[in-house]
Amino acid sequence: MLYRYGNREFWDHVVSLFHEKLREDRILRSYFERRRPAEVQMINFAILKAGLGYADAEYEELIKYAHIGKSISTEDMHRFLNCLRLVLDDVGVAPEDIEIIVGRIEGYSNLIVEEDEV
C-alpha cells in the first residue's frame, strides 16, 4: 500500500496535513504543543508507518512507554483516529485502505489509552 498512492513525498504530505489537523483540535493539540514540530512530524510518521504495516519490532514497547501518564482517554484516541481518517480521505486514499490503516493503529489502543474514569 505504501506505493499505491505515491512515494515518500506523498506520505510526508499526509503527515504534515495530519499534524495540522491535530493542532486544530482543541483537545488533541495539548499533547503536541510543547514538542518541537520536527519531533511531532517524526512521531506522526512512525504512527502512519505502523498503519501502513511497517512498524519496527520495538514499536509496541516504544509507544507504550511514550504514553505512560499521558491520561489519554478512549475519546481522545477516537478523535486522533478521526483526524487521520479525514486527512486520508482528503488526499484520496480509498475507504477500504483508510480502514486498514486506521484499524492497524487502533490495534495499539490498549497500549496508549489509560483506563477511562467512570
PDB file of N, CA and C in Angstrom:
ATOM      1  N   MET A   1       0.824  -1.197   0.000  1.00  0.00           N
ATOM      2  CA  MET A   1       0.000   0.000   0.000  1.00  0.00           C
ATOM      3  C   MET A   1       0.866   1.258   0.000  1.00  0.00           C
ATOM      4  N   LEU A   2       2.077   1.132   0.466  1.00  0.00           N
ATOM      5  CA  LEU A   2       2.970   2.285   0.580  1.00  0.00           C
ATOM      6  C   LEU A   2       3.097   3.044  -0.741  1.00  0.00           C
ATOM      7  N   TYR A   3       3.240   2.332  -1.852  1.00  0.00           N
ATOM      8  CA  TYR A   3       3.458   2.996  -3.145  1.00  0.00           C
ATOM      9  C   TYR A   3       2.200   3.081  -4.004  1.00  0.00           C
ATOM     10  N   ARG A   4       1.084   2.618  -3.494  1.00  0.00           N
ATOM     11  CA  ARG A   4      -0.167   2.676  -4.243  1.00  0.00           C
ATOM     12  C   ARG A   4      -0.592   4.122  -4.491  1.00  0.00           C
ATOM     13  N   TYR A   5      -0.284   4.996  -3.574  1.00  0.00           N
ATOM     14  CA  TYR A   5      -0.740   6.385  -3.674  1.00  0.00           C
ATOM     15  C   TYR A   5       0.378   7.369  -4.007  1.00  0.00           C
ATOM     16  N   GLY A   6       1.580   6.926  -3.973  1.00  0.00           N
ATOM     17  CA  GLY A   6       2.689   7.812  -4.269  1.00  0.00           C
ATOM     18  C   GLY A   6       3.917   7.386  -3.503  1.00  0.00           C
ATOM     19  N   ASN A   7       4.913   8.202  -3.582  1.00  0.00           N
ATOM     20  CA  ASN A   7       6.174   7.890  -2.926  1.00  0.00           C
ATOM     21  C   ASN A   7       6.233   8.516  -1.533  1.00  0.00           C
ATOM     22  N   ARG A   8       7.407   8.598  -1.006  1.00  0.00           N
ATOM     23  CA  ARG A   8       7.612   9.151   0.337  1.00  0.00           C
ATOM     24  C   ARG A   8       7.082  10.582   0.444  1.00  0.00           C
ATOM     25  N   GLU A   9       7.196  11.341  -0.635  1.00  0.00           N
ATOM     26  CA  GLU A   9       6.703  12.724  -0.611  1.00  0.00           C
ATOM     27  C   GLU A   9       5.199  12.772  -0.345  1.00  0.00           C
ATOM     28  N   PHE A  10       4.452  11.847  -0.930  1.00  0.00           N
ATOM     29  CA  PHE A  10       3.002  11.785  -0.694  1.00  0.00           C
ATOM     30  C   PHE A  10       2.725  11.579   0.782  1.00  0.00           C
ATOM     31  N   TRP A  11       3.404  10.591   1.391  1.00  0.00           N
ATOM     32  CA  TRP A  11       3.145  10.265   2.794  1.00  0.00           C
ATOM     33  C   TRP A  11       3.673  11.357   3.719  1.00  0.00           C
ATOM     34  N   ASP A  12       4.757  12.041   3.347  1.00  0.00           N
ATOM     35  CA  ASP A  12       5.223  13.197   4.121  1.00  0.00           C
ATOM     36  C   ASP A  12       4.154  14.292   4.119  1.00  0.00           C
ATOM     37  N   HIS A  13       3.523  14.474   2.967  1.00  0.00           N
ATOM     38  CA  HIS A  13       2.439  15.457   2.853  1.00  0.00           C
ATOM     39  C   HIS A  13       1.267  15.056   3.752  1.00  0.00           C
ATOM     40  N   VAL A  14       0.931  13.769   3.757  1.00  0.00           N
ATOM     41  CA  VAL A  14      -0.141  13.276   4.625  1.00  0.00           C
ATOM     42  C   VAL A  14       0.190  13.576   6.085  1.00  0.00           C
ATOM     43  N   VAL A  15       1.436  13.318   6.480  1.00  0.00           N
ATOM     44  CA  VAL A  15       1.853  13.563   7.858  1.00  0.00           C
ATOM     45  C   VAL A  15       1.745  15.048   8.192  1.00  0.00           C
ATOM     46  N   SER A  16       2.124  15.917   7.272  1.00  0.00           N
ATOM     47  CA  SER A  16       2.014  17.362   7.510  1.00  0.00           C
ATOM     48  C   SER A  16       0.562  17.791   7.684  1.00  0.00           C
ATOM     49  N   LEU A  17      -0.312  17.272   6.832  1.00  0.00           N
ATOM     50  CA  LEU A  17      -1.735  17.592   6.948  1.00  0.00           C
ATOM     51  C   LEU A  17      -2.314  17.043   8.257  1.00  0.00           C
ATOM     52  N   PHE A  18      -1.891  15.850   8.628  1.00  0.00           N
ATOM     53  CA  PHE A  18      -2.347  15.232   9.872  1.00  0.00           C
ATOM     54  C   PHE A  18      -1.909  16.077  11.065  1.00  0.00           C
ATOM     55  N   HIS A  19      -0.658  16.534  11.033  1.00  0.00           N
ATOM     56  CA  HIS A  19      -0.140  17.391  12.103  1.00  0.00           C
ATOM     57  C   HIS A  19      -0.994  18.653  12.234  1.00  0.00           C
ATOM     58  N   GLU A  20      -1.325  19.266  11.114  1.00  0.00           N
ATOM     59  CA  GLU A  20      -2.157  20.472  11.144  1.00  0.00           C
ATOM     60  C   GLU A  20      -3.546  20.162  11.702  1.00  0.00           C
ATOM     61  N   LYS A  21      -4.100  19.033  11.300  1.00  0.00           N
ATOM     62  CA  LYS A  21      -5.425  18.638  11.787  1.00  0.00           C
ATOM     63  C   LYS A  21      -5.399  18.434  13.304  1.00  0.00           C
ATOM     64  N   LEU A  22      -4.347  17.819  13.815  1.00  0.00           N
ATOM     65  CA  LEU A  22      -4.214  17.613  15.262  1.00  0.00           C
ATOM     66  C   LEU A  22      -4.080  18.947  15.993  1.00  0.00           C
ATOM     67  N   ARG A  23      -3.350  19.878  15.409  1.00  0.00           N
ATOM     68  CA  ARG A  23      -3.178  21.202  16.025  1.00  0.00           C
ATOM     69  C   ARG A  23      -4.475  21.993  16.045  1.00  0.00           C
ATOM     70  N   GLU A  24      -5.370  21.709  15.114  1.00  0.00           N
ATOM     71  CA  GLU A  24      -6.661  22.393  15.076  1.00  0.00           C
ATOM     72  C   GLU A  24      -7.626  21.868  16.135  1.00  0.00           C
ATOM     73  N   ASP A  25      -7.393  20.659  16.610  1.00  0.00           N
ATOM     74  CA  ASP A  25      -8.295  20.050  17.587  1.00  0.00           C
ATOM     75  C   ASP A  25      -7.997  20.608  18.974  1.00  0.00           C
ATOM     76  N   ARG A  26      -8.992  21.172  19.619  1.00  0.00           N
ATOM     77  CA  ARG A  26      -8.784  21.851  20.901  1.00  0.00           C
ATOM     78  C   ARG A  26      -8.305  20.912  22.005  1.00  0.00           C
ATOM     79  N   ILE A  27      -8.614  19.642  21.921  1.00  0.00           N
ATOM     80  CA  ILE A  27      -8.183  18.679  22.939  1.00  0.00           C
ATOM     81  C   ILE A  27      -6.844  18.056  22.570  1.00  0.00           C
ATOM     82  N   LEU A  28      -6.714  17.611  21.337  1.00  0.00           N
ATOM     83  CA  LEU A  28      -5.505  16.889  20.942  1.00  0.00           C
ATOM     84  C   LEU A  28      -4.268  17.780  20.862  1.00  0.00           C
ATOM     85  N   ARG A  29      -4.463  19.049  20.576  1.00  0.00           N
ATOM     86  CA  ARG A  29      -3.285  19.919  20.431  1.00  0.00           C
ATOM     87  C   ARG A  29      -2.431  19.953  21.699  1.00  0.00           C
ATOM     88  N   SER A  30      -3.055  19.764  22.851  1.00  0.00           N
ATOM     89  CA  SER A  30      -2.299  19.844  24.108  1.00  0.00           C
ATOM     90  C   SER A  30      -1.257  18.727  24.227  1.00  0.00           C
ATOM     91  N   TYR A  31      -1.468  17.629  23.539  1.00  0.00           N
ATOM     92  CA  TYR A  31      -0.500  16.530  23.602  1.00  0.00           C
ATOM     93  C   TYR A  31       0.761  16.831  22.800  1.00  0.00           C
ATOM     94  N   PHE A  32       0.671  17.794  21.895  1.00  0.00           N
ATOM     95  CA  PHE A  32       1.785  18.044  20.985  1.00  0.00           C
ATOM     96  C   PHE A  32       2.384  19.442  21.089  1.00  0.00           C
ATOM     97  N   GLU A  33       1.714  20.365  21.746  1.00  0.00           N
ATOM     98  CA  GLU A  33       2.137  21.762  21.664  1.00  0.00           C
ATOM     99  C   GLU A  33       3.480  22.067  22.331  1.00  0.00           C
ATOM    100  N   ARG A  34       3.929  21.230  23.240  1.00  0.00           N
ATOM    101  CA  ARG A  34       5.215  21.501  23.882  1.00  0.00           C
ATOM    102  C   ARG A  34       6.376  20.774  23.206  1.00  0.00           C
ATOM    103  N   ARG A  35       6.103  20.121  22.128  1.00  0.00           N
ATOM    104  CA  ARG A  35       7.151  19.409  21.389  1.00  0.00           C
ATOM    105  C   ARG A  35       7.549  20.225  20.162  1.00  0.00           C
ATOM    106  N   ARG A  36       8.775  20.020  19.736  1.00  0.00           N
ATOM    107  CA  ARG A  36       9.233  20.674  18.514  1.00  0.00           C
ATOM    108  C   ARG A  36       8.482  20.093  17.317  1.00  0.00           C
ATOM    109  N   PRO A  37       8.140  20.920  16.334  1.00  0.00           N
ATOM    110  CA  PRO A  37       7.404  20.431  15.160  1.00  0.00           C
ATOM    111  C   PRO A  37       8.090  19.238  14.469  1.00  0.00           C
ATOM    112  N   ALA A  38       9.404  19.283  14.366  1.00  0.00           N
ATOM    113  CA  ALA A  38      10.112  18.175  13.708  1.00  0.00           C
ATOM    114  C   ALA A  38       9.936  16.873  14.486  1.00  0.00           C
ATOM    115  N   GLU A  39       9.905  16.972  15.799  1.00  0.00           N
ATOM    116  CA  GLU A  39       9.703  15.786  16.639  1.00  0.00           C
ATOM    117  C   GLU A  39       8.296  15.224  16.450  1.00  0.00           C
ATOM    118  N   VAL A  40       7.313  16.117  16.390  1.00  0.00           N
ATOM    119  CA  VAL A  40       5.929  15.690  16.188  1.00  0.00           C
ATOM    120  C   VAL A  40       5.781  15.049  14.810  1.00  0.00           C
ATOM    121  N   GLN A  41       6.408  15.634  13.799  1.00  0.00           N
ATOM    122  CA  GLN A  41       6.368  15.060  12.451  1.00  0.00           C
ATOM    123  C   GLN A  41       6.943  13.645  12.458  1.00  0.00           C
ATOM    124  N   MET A  42       8.043  13.461  13.155  1.00  0.00           N
ATOM    125  CA  MET A  42       8.687  12.151  13.237  1.00  0.00           C
ATOM    126  C   MET A  42       7.769  11.141  13.938  1.00  0.00           C
ATOM    127  N   ILE A  43       7.143  11.569  15.021  1.00  0.00           N
ATOM    128  CA  ILE A  43       6.221  10.706  15.760  1.00  0.00           C
ATOM    129  C   ILE A  43       5.039  10.320  14.868  1.00  0.00           C
ATOM    130  N   ASN A  44       4.458  11.314  14.202  1.00  0.00           N
ATOM    131  CA  ASN A  44       3.304  11.042  13.350  1.00  0.00           C
ATOM    132  C   ASN A  44       3.667  10.178  12.148  1.00  0.00           C
ATOM    133  N   PHE A  45       4.882  10.322  11.635  1.00  0.00           N
ATOM    134  CA  PHE A  45       5.303   9.456  10.529  1.00  0.00           C
ATOM    135  C   PHE A  45       5.444   8.014  11.025  1.00  0.00           C
ATOM    136  N   ALA A  46       5.959   7.827  12.234  1.00  0.00           N
ATOM    137  CA  ALA A  46       6.072   6.477  12.793  1.00  0.00           C
ATOM    138  C   ALA A  46       4.688   5.854  12.983  1.00  0.00           C
ATOM    139  N   ILE A  47       3.725   6.662  13.400  1.00  0.00           N
ATOM    140  CA  ILE A  47       2.352   6.180  13.564  1.00  0.00           C
ATOM    141  C   ILE A  47       1.780   5.767  12.216  1.00  0.00           C
ATOM    142  N   LEU A  48       1.952   6.617  11.209  1.00  0.00           N
ATOM    143  CA  LEU A  48       1.456   6.294   9.878  1.00  0.00           C
ATOM    144  C   LEU A  48       2.140   5.056   9.318  1.00  0.00           C
ATOM    145  N   LYS A  49       3.424   4.959   9.548  1.00  0.00           N
ATOM    146  CA  LYS A  49       4.191   3.795   9.091  1.00  0.00           C
ATOM    147  C   LYS A  49       3.617   2.506   9.703  1.00  0.00           C
ATOM    148  N   ALA A  50       3.258   2.551  10.971  1.00  0.00           N
ATOM    149  CA  ALA A  50       2.632   1.395  11.620  1.00  0.00           C
ATOM    150  C   ALA A  50       1.288   1.096  10.963  1.00  0.00           C
ATOM    151  N   GLY A  51       0.544   2.135  10.630  1.00  0.00           N
ATOM    152  CA  GLY A  51      -0.734   1.957   9.955  1.00  0.00           C
ATOM    153  C   GLY A  51      -0.591   1.338   8.578  1.00  0.00           C
ATOM    154  N   LEU A  52       0.536   1.610   7.947  1.00  0.00           N
ATOM    155  CA  LEU A  52       0.811   1.028   6.632  1.00  0.00           C
ATOM    156  C   LEU A  52       1.381  -0.390   6.739  1.00  0.00           C
ATOM    157  N   GLY A  53       1.592  -0.841   7.978  1.00  0.00           N
ATOM    158  CA  GLY A  53       2.075  -2.202   8.181  1.00  0.00           C
ATOM    159  C   GLY A  53       3.576  -2.330   8.275  1.00  0.00           C
ATOM    160  N   TYR A  54       4.263  -1.219   8.529  1.00  0.00           N
ATOM    161  CA  TYR A  54       5.724  -1.223   8.595  1.00  0.00           C
ATOM    162  C   TYR A  54       6.259  -0.825   9.969  1.00  0.00           C
ATOM    163  N   ALA A  55       5.627  -1.303  11.022  1.00  0.00           N
ATOM    164  CA  ALA A  55       6.087  -0.975  12.378  1.00  0.00           C
ATOM    165  C   ALA A  55       7.385  -1.732  12.673  1.00  0.00           C
ATOM    166  N   ASP A  56       8.290  -1.046  13.339  1.00  0.00           N
ATOM    167  CA  ASP A  56       9.539  -1.673  13.773  1.00  0.00           C
ATOM    168  C   ASP A  56       9.252  -2.690  14.868  1.00  0.00           C
ATOM    169  N   ALA A  57      10.174  -3.593  15.089  1.00  0.00           N
ATOM    170  CA  ALA A  57       9.998  -4.656  16.087  1.00  0.00           C
ATOM    171  C   ALA A  57       9.736  -4.088  17.482  1.00  0.00           C
ATOM    172  N   GLU A  58      10.372  -2.975  17.810  1.00  0.00           N
ATOM    173  CA  GLU A  58      10.198  -2.423  19.155  1.00  0.00           C
ATOM    174  C   GLU A  58       9.100  -1.375  19.246  1.00  0.00           C
ATOM    175  N   TYR A  59       8.315  -1.215  18.206  1.00  0.00           N
ATOM    176  CA  TYR A  59       7.298  -0.167  18.158  1.00  0.00           C
ATOM    177  C   TYR A  59       6.323  -0.263  19.331  1.00  0.00           C
ATOM    178  N   GLU A  60       5.827  -1.451  19.615  1.00  0.00           N
ATOM    179  CA  GLU A  60       4.857  -1.598  20.707  1.00  0.00           C
ATOM    180  C   GLU A  60       5.428  -1.125  22.036  1.00  0.00           C
ATOM    181  N   GLU A  61       6.642  -1.523  22.310  1.00  0.00           N
ATOM    182  CA  GLU A  61       7.264  -1.125  23.574  1.00  0.00           C
ATOM    183  C   GLU A  61       7.484   0.383  23.626  1.00  0.00           C
ATOM    184  N   LEU A  62       7.891   0.963  22.507  1.00  0.00           N
ATOM    185  CA  LEU A  62       8.130   2.409  22.450  1.00  0.00           C
ATOM    186  C   LEU A  62       6.848   3.208  22.659  1.00  0.00           C
ATOM    187  N   ILE A  63       5.764   2.803  21.998  1.00  0.00           N
ATOM    188  CA  ILE A  63       4.541   3.597  22.166  1.00  0.00           C
ATOM    189  C   ILE A  63       3.938   3.394  23.552  1.00  0.00           C
ATOM    190  N   LYS A  64       4.083   2.230  24.091  1.00  0.00           N
ATOM    191  CA  LYS A  64       3.582   2.005  25.453  1.00  0.00           C
ATOM    192  C   LYS A  64       4.314   2.925  26.430  1.00  0.00           C
ATOM    193  N   TYR A  65       5.623   2.950  26.344  1.00  0.00           N
ATOM    194  CA  TYR A  65       6.441   3.781  27.223  1.00  0.00           C
ATOM    195  C   TYR A  65       6.147   5.279  26.988  1.00  0.00           C
ATOM    196  N   ALA A  66       6.003   5.669  25.735  1.00  0.00           N
ATOM    197  CA  ALA A  66       5.802   7.085  25.402  1.00  0.00           C
ATOM    198  C   ALA A  66       4.476   7.639  25.914  1.00  0.00           C
ATOM    199  N   HIS A  67       3.502   6.775  26.151  1.00  0.00           N
ATOM    200  CA  HIS A  67       2.175   7.257  26.537  1.00  0.00           C
ATOM    201  C   HIS A  67       1.842   7.058  28.013  1.00  0.00           C
ATOM    202  N   ILE A  68       2.768   6.510  28.770  1.00  0.00           N
ATOM    203  CA  ILE A  68       2.530   6.315  30.206  1.00  0.00           C
ATOM    204  C   ILE A  68       2.312   7.674  30.868  1.00  0.00           C
ATOM    205  N   GLY A  69       1.248   7.783  31.641  1.00  0.00           N
ATOM    206  CA  GLY A  69       0.973   9.006  32.391  1.00  0.00           C
ATOM    207  C   GLY A  69       0.403  10.151  31.579  1.00  0.00           C
ATOM    208  N   LYS A  70       0.067   9.920  30.330  1.00  0.00           N
ATOM    209  CA  LYS A  70      -0.455  10.997  29.480  1.00  0.00           C
ATOM    210  C   LYS A  70      -1.969  11.170  29.616  1.00  0.00           C
ATOM    211  N   SER A  71      -2.615  10.255  30.329  1.00  0.00           N
ATOM    212  CA  SER A  71      -4.067  10.325  30.560  1.00  0.00           C
ATOM    213  C   SER A  71      -4.861  10.387  29.259  1.00  0.00           C
ATOM    214  N   ILE A  72      -4.479   9.599  28.303  1.00  0.00           N
ATOM    215  CA  ILE A  72      -5.184   9.552  27.027  1.00  0.00           C
ATOM    216  C   ILE A  72      -6.421   8.673  27.191  1.00  0.00           C
ATOM    217  N   SER A  73      -7.565   9.247  26.868  1.00  0.00           N
ATOM    218  CA  SER A  73      -8.840   8.533  27.022  1.00  0.00           C
ATOM    219  C   SER A  73      -9.239   7.864  25.712  1.00  0.00           C
ATOM    220  N   THR A  74     -10.261   7.046  25.805  1.00  0.00           N
ATOM    221  CA  THR A  74     -10.816   6.420  24.605  1.00  0.00           C
ATOM    222  C   THR A  74     -11.323   7.495  23.651  1.00  0.00           C
ATOM    223  N   GLU A  75     -11.966   8.526  24.206  1.00  0.00           N
ATOM    224  CA  GLU A  75     -12.447   9.630  23.364  1.00  0.00           C
ATOM    225  C   GLU A  75     -11.289  10.325  22.649  1.00  0.00           C
ATOM    226  N   ASP A  76     -10.183  10.558  23.359  1.00  0.00           N
ATOM    227  CA  ASP A  76      -9.009  11.174  22.735  1.00  0.00           C
ATOM    228  C   ASP A  76      -8.497  10.315  21.582  1.00  0.00           C
ATOM    229  N   MET A  77      -8.453   9.012  21.807  1.00  0.00           N
ATOM    230  CA  MET A  77      -7.978   8.094  20.771  1.00  0.00           C
ATOM    231  C   MET A  77      -8.907   8.127  19.562  1.00  0.00           C
ATOM    232  N   HIS A  78     -10.196   8.177  19.803  1.00  0.00           N
ATOM    233  CA  HIS A  78     -11.156   8.244  18.697  1.00  0.00           C
ATOM    234  C   HIS A  78     -11.000   9.554  17.930  1.00  0.00           C
ATOM    235  N   ARG A  79     -10.784  10.651  18.635  1.00  0.00           N
ATOM    236  CA  ARG A  79     -10.566  11.947  17.981  1.00  0.00           C
ATOM    237  C   ARG A  79      -9.323  11.888  17.103  1.00  0.00           C
ATOM    238  N   PHE A  80      -8.255  11.303  17.639  1.00  0.00           N
ATOM    239  CA  PHE A  80      -6.992  11.161  16.930  1.00  0.00           C
ATOM    240  C   PHE A  80      -7.198  10.362  15.643  1.00  0.00           C
ATOM    241  N   LEU A  81      -7.864   9.226  15.765  1.00  0.00           N
ATOM    242  CA  LEU A  81      -8.096   8.363  14.610  1.00  0.00           C
ATOM    243  C   LEU A  81      -9.016   9.043  13.592  1.00  0.00           C
ATOM    244  N   ASN A  82      -9.978   9.808  14.073  1.00  0.00           N
ATOM    245  CA  ASN A  82     -10.866  10.522  13.159  1.00  0.00           C
ATOM    246  C   ASN A  82     -10.114  11.597  12.379  1.00  0.00           C
ATOM    247  N   CYS A  83      -9.191  12.280  13.034  1.00  0.00           N
ATOM    248  CA  CYS A  83      -8.356  13.265  12.322  1.00  0.00           C
ATOM    249  C   CYS A  83      -7.597  12.580  11.187  1.00  0.00           C
ATOM    250  N   LEU A  84      -7.042  11.420  11.485  1.00  0.00           N
ATOM    251  CA  LEU A  84      -6.300  10.685  10.456  1.00  0.00           C
ATOM    252  C   LEU A  84      -7.233  10.248   9.333  1.00  0.00           C
ATOM    253  N   ARG A  85      -8.410   9.737   9.677  1.00  0.00           N
ATOM    254  CA  ARG A  85      -9.390   9.328   8.658  1.00  0.00           C
ATOM    255  C   ARG A  85      -9.710  10.487   7.709  1.00  0.00           C
ATOM    256  N   LEU A  86      -9.969  11.651   8.289  1.00  0.00           N
ATOM    257  CA  LEU A  86     -10.327  12.819   7.478  1.00  0.00           C
ATOM    258  C   LEU A  86      -9.200  13.212   6.522  1.00  0.00           C
ATOM    259  N   VAL A  87      -7.979  13.201   7.013  1.00  0.00           N
ATOM    260  CA  VAL A  87      -6.837  13.556   6.173  1.00  0.00           C
ATOM    261  C   VAL A  87      -6.657  12.535   5.050  1.00  0.00           C
ATOM    262  N   LEU A  88      -6.712  11.263   5.393  1.00  0.00           N
ATOM    263  CA  LEU A  88      -6.544  10.222   4.374  1.00  0.00           C
ATOM    264  C   LEU A  88      -7.627  10.328   3.307  1.00  0.00           C
ATOM    265  N   ASP A  89      -8.842  10.628   3.724  1.00  0.00           N
ATOM    266  CA  ASP A  89      -9.928  10.809   2.769  1.00  0.00           C
ATOM    267  C   ASP A  89      -9.670  12.028   1.888  1.00  0.00           C
ATOM    268  N   ASP A  90      -9.220  13.114   2.496  1.00  0.00           N
ATOM    269  CA  ASP A  90      -8.956  14.356   1.747  1.00  0.00           C
ATOM    270  C   ASP A  90      -7.899  14.177   0.657  1.00  0.00           C
ATOM    271  N   VAL A  91      -6.910  13.302   0.894  1.00  0.00           N
ATOM    272  CA  VAL A  91      -5.841  13.120  -0.099  1.00  0.00           C
ATOM    273  C   VAL A  91      -6.142  11.999  -1.081  1.00  0.00           C
ATOM    274  N   GLY A  92      -7.332  11.388  -0.960  1.00  0.00           N
ATOM    275  CA  GLY A  92      -7.749  10.419  -1.949  1.00  0.00           C
ATOM    276  C   GLY A  92      -7.435   8.962  -1.670  1.00  0.00           C
ATOM    277  N   VAL A  93      -7.127   8.630  -0.425  1.00  0.00           N
ATOM    278  CA  VAL A  93      -6.911   7.229  -0.084  1.00  0.00           C
ATOM    279  C   VAL A  93      -8.273   6.535  -0.093  1.00  0.00           C
ATOM    280  N   ALA A  94      -8.329   5.359  -0.692  1.00  0.00           N
ATOM    281  CA  ALA A  94      -9.587   4.617  -0.818  1.00  0.00           C
ATOM    282  C   ALA A  94     -10.137   4.254   0.560  1.00  0.00           C
ATOM    283  N   PRO A  95     -11.466   4.283   0.705  1.00  0.00           N
ATOM    284  CA  PRO A  95     -12.082   3.973   2.007  1.00  0.00           C
ATOM    285  C   PRO A  95     -11.619   2.648   2.608  1.00  0.00           C
ATOM    286  N   GLU A  96     -11.474   1.615   1.794  1.00  0.00           N
ATOM    287  CA  GLU A  96     -11.030   0.327   2.336  1.00  0.00           C
ATOM    288  C   GLU A  96      -9.593   0.389   2.852  1.00  0.00           C
ATOM    289  N   ASP A  97      -8.756   1.200   2.211  1.00  0.00           N
ATOM    290  CA  ASP A  97      -7.375   1.357   2.688  1.00  0.00           C
ATOM    291  C   ASP A  97      -7.341   2.214   3.950  1.00  0.00           C
ATOM    292  N   ILE A  98      -8.217   3.208   4.022  1.00  0.00           N
ATOM    293  CA  ILE A  98      -8.311   4.020   5.239  1.00  0.00           C
ATOM    294  C   ILE A  98      -8.646   3.122   6.422  1.00  0.00           C
ATOM    295  N   GLU A  99      -9.601   2.239   6.242  1.00  0.00           N
ATOM    296  CA  GLU A  99      -9.991   1.355   7.345  1.00  0.00           C
ATOM    297  C   GLU A  99      -8.863   0.415   7.742  1.00  0.00           C
ATOM    298  N   ILE A 100      -8.082  -0.038   6.788  1.00  0.00           N
ATOM    299  CA  ILE A 100      -6.931  -0.892   7.116  1.00  0.00           C
ATOM    300  C   ILE A 100      -5.904  -0.104   7.931  1.00  0.00           C
ATOM    301  N   ILE A 101      -5.559   1.081   7.444  1.00  0.00           N
ATOM    302  CA  ILE A 101      -4.554   1.917   8.115  1.00  0.00           C
ATOM    303  C   ILE A 101      -5.016   2.277   9.527  1.00  0.00           C
ATOM    304  N   VAL A 102      -6.230   2.810   9.622  1.00  0.00           N
ATOM    305  CA  VAL A 102      -6.756   3.235  10.921  1.00  0.00           C
ATOM    306  C   VAL A 102      -6.937   2.022  11.840  1.00  0.00           C
ATOM    307  N   GLY A 103      -7.380   0.922  11.292  1.00  0.00           N
ATOM    308  CA  GLY A 103      -7.558  -0.292  12.087  1.00  0.00           C
ATOM    309  C   GLY A 103      -6.268  -0.793  12.698  1.00  0.00           C
ATOM    310  N   ARG A 104      -5.193  -0.730  11.925  1.00  0.00           N
ATOM    311  CA  ARG A 104      -3.885  -1.150  12.459  1.00  0.00           C
ATOM    312  C   ARG A 104      -3.466  -0.247  13.620  1.00  0.00           C
ATOM    313  N   ILE A 105      -3.644   1.040  13.448  1.00  0.00           N
ATOM    314  CA  ILE A 105      -3.268   1.976  14.509  1.00  0.00           C
ATOM    315  C   ILE A 105      -4.176   1.799  15.726  1.00  0.00           C
ATOM    316  N   GLU A 106      -5.443   1.610  15.474  1.00  0.00           N
ATOM    317  CA  GLU A 106      -6.389   1.395  16.565  1.00  0.00           C
ATOM    318  C   GLU A 106      -6.042   0.137  17.358  1.00  0.00           C
ATOM    319  N   GLY A 107      -5.406  -0.806  16.695  1.00  0.00           N
ATOM    320  CA  GLY A 107      -4.974  -2.034  17.370  1.00  0.00           C
ATOM    321  C   GLY A 107      -3.975  -1.790  18.485  1.00  0.00           C
ATOM    322  N   TYR A 108      -3.352  -0.626  18.497  1.00  0.00           N
ATOM    323  CA  TYR A 108      -2.404  -0.269  19.555  1.00  0.00           C
ATOM    324  C   TYR A 108      -3.074   0.485  20.709  1.00  0.00           C
ATOM    325  N   SER A 109      -4.381   0.687  20.628  1.00  0.00           N
ATOM    326  CA  SER A 109      -5.102   1.468  21.642  1.00  0.00           C
ATOM    327  C   SER A 109      -4.864   0.966  23.058  1.00  0.00           C
ATOM    328  N   ASN A 110      -4.796  -0.350  23.203  1.00  0.00           N
ATOM    329  CA  ASN A 110      -4.605  -0.908  24.549  1.00  0.00           C
ATOM    330  C   ASN A 110      -3.271  -0.502  25.159  1.00  0.00           C
ATOM    331  N   LEU A 111      -2.330  -0.056  24.349  1.00  0.00           N
ATOM    332  CA  LEU A 111      -1.024   0.389  24.845  1.00  0.00           C
ATOM    333  C   LEU A 111      -0.988   1.897  25.079  1.00  0.00           C
ATOM    334  N   ILE A 112      -1.992   2.595  24.578  1.00  0.00           N
ATOM    335  CA  ILE A 112      -1.996   4.063  24.602  1.00  0.00           C
ATOM    336  C   ILE A 112      -3.034   4.612  25.570  1.00  0.00           C
ATOM    337  N   VAL A 113      -4.235   4.073  25.494  1.00  0.00           N
ATOM    338  CA  VAL A 113      -5.344   4.573  26.300  1.00  0.00           C
ATOM    339  C   VAL A 113      -5.211   4.084  27.735  1.00  0.00           C
ATOM    340  N   GLU A 114      -5.343   5.026  28.655  1.00  0.00           N
ATOM    341  CA  GLU A 114      -5.371   4.668  30.066  1.00  0.00           C
ATOM    342  C   GLU A 114      -6.820   4.419  30.449  1.00  0.00           C
ATOM    343  N   GLU A 115      -7.017   3.765  31.558  1.00  0.00           N
ATOM    344  CA  GLU A 115      -8.376   3.461  31.996  1.00  0.00           C
ATOM    345  C   GLU A 115      -9.193   4.732  32.049  1.00  0.00           C
ATOM    346  N   ASP A 116     -10.343   4.704  31.375  1.00  0.00           N
ATOM    347  CA  ASP A 116     -11.253   5.848  31.418  1.00  0.00           C
ATOM    348  C   ASP A 116     -11.947   5.872  32.775  1.00  0.00           C
ATOM    349  N   GLU A 117     -12.085   7.072  33.303  1.00  0.00           N
ATOM    350  CA  GLU A 117     -12.799   7.197  34.583  1.00  0.00           C
ATOM    351  C   GLU A 117     -14.291   7.192  34.311  1.00  0.00           C
ATOM    352  N   VAL A 118     -15.027   6.550  35.198  1.00  0.00           N
ATOM    353  CA  VAL A 118     -16.481   6.497  35.049  1.00  0.00           C
ATOM    354  C   VAL A 118     -17.164   7.269  36.151  1.00  0.00           C
TER     355      VAL A 118
END
